[in-house]
Amino acid sequence: MNKIYEYEATEQSVDVRNFSIVSDRKLTWGEILDAICLPNISKEGDGITDDGITVTYLWTDYGDDAQFDVDGELKDE
């Protein structure tokens, strides 16, 4: 019987996503968090208007200090 190997891999970095939010009223913290979930963050400049709030995804500053970790039995190279 062949042995099955399972791995858990995680990557952590310091990415910063930038948004522009324009509203016709003062917003709560929760409304801001909800708003930044609306645009497509894989497309710079994507914007959505909902309930008087317009949010635009501007860009992401990608962190350069990525950490990579693997748990599991690895084959020797």
Protein backbone atom coordinates (compact mmCIF):
# COMPACT_ATOMS: atom_id res chain seq x y z
CA MET A 1 0.00 0.00 0.00
CA ASN A 2 1.34 3.44 -0.93
CA LYS A 3 1.77 6.01 1.79
CA ILE A 4 -0.19 9.25 1.39
CA TYR A 5 1.57 12.52 2.26
CA GLU A 6 -0.38 15.54 3.39
CA TYR A 7 0.96 19.06 3.76
CA GLU A 8 -0.28 22.32 5.16
CA ALA A 9 1.36 25.33 3.55
CA THR A 10 0.92 28.96 4.55
CA GLU A 11 2.31 32.17 3.15
CA GLN A 12 2.29 35.37 5.11
CA SER A 13 3.26 38.74 3.77
CA VAL A 14 2.67 42.38 4.35
CA ASP A 15 0.33 43.26 1.49
CA VAL A 16 -1.59 46.53 1.67
CA ARG A 17 -4.71 47.01 -0.46
CA ASN A 18 -5.74 50.58 -1.24
CA PHE A 19 -9.31 51.75 -1.77
CA SER A 20 -11.09 55.02 -2.41
CA ILE A 21 -14.48 55.36 -0.69
CA VAL A 22 -16.92 58.19 -1.38
CA SER A 23 -20.21 58.43 0.48
CA ASP A 24 -23.16 60.73 0.77
CA ARG A 25 -23.12 60.23 4.55
CA LYS A 26 -20.74 59.56 7.45
CA LEU A 27 -19.93 55.83 7.58
CA THR A 28 -19.42 53.44 10.46
CA TRP A 29 -16.39 51.18 10.81
CA GLY A 30 -18.57 48.22 9.80
CA GLU A 31 -19.83 50.01 6.69
CA ILE A 32 -16.24 50.72 5.65
CA LEU A 33 -15.32 47.04 6.11
CA ASP A 34 -18.36 45.97 4.09
CA ALA A 35 -17.59 48.51 1.36
CA ILE A 36 -14.04 47.30 0.70
CA CYS A 37 -15.42 43.81 0.02
CA LEU A 38 -17.47 45.06 -2.95
CA PRO A 39 -14.97 45.73 -5.77
CA ASN A 40 -12.99 43.08 -7.61
CA ILE A 41 -9.49 43.26 -6.09
CA SER A 42 -7.94 41.39 -8.98
CA LYS A 43 -8.70 44.37 -11.26
CA GLU A 44 -7.19 47.77 -10.44
CA GLY A 45 -9.71 50.58 -10.86
CA ASP A 46 -12.74 48.36 -10.33
CA GLY A 47 -15.51 50.36 -8.67
CA ILE A 48 -18.96 49.68 -7.29
CA THR A 49 -21.71 51.93 -5.99
CA ASP A 50 -24.15 50.59 -3.43
CA ASP A 51 -26.48 52.42 -1.03
CA GLY A 52 -24.88 55.81 -1.65
CA ILE A 53 -21.34 54.48 -1.20
CA THR A 54 -18.88 54.30 -4.09
CA VAL A 55 -15.78 52.23 -3.47
CA THR A 56 -12.94 51.80 -5.93
CA TYR A 57 -10.08 49.33 -5.62
CA LEU A 58 -6.94 51.30 -6.42
CA TRP A 59 -3.93 48.96 -6.10
CA THR A 60 -2.04 46.63 -3.78
CA ASP A 61 1.39 47.29 -2.34
CA TYR A 62 2.92 43.82 -2.14
CA GLY A 63 5.09 43.15 0.88
CA ASP A 64 8.60 41.87 0.38
CA ASP A 65 8.91 39.92 3.61
CA ALA A 66 6.97 36.77 2.73
CA GLN A 67 7.21 33.86 5.14
CA PHE A 68 6.61 30.32 3.86
CA ASP A 69 6.13 27.25 6.04
CA VAL A 70 5.35 23.62 5.28
CA ASP A 71 4.33 20.97 7.81
CA GLY A 72 4.78 17.37 6.68
CA GLU A 73 7.41 14.78 5.79
CA LEU A 74 9.50 16.12 2.90
CA LYS A 75 11.59 14.16 0.39
CA ASP A 76 15.32 14.90 0.46
CA GLU A 77 16.56 16.90 -2.54
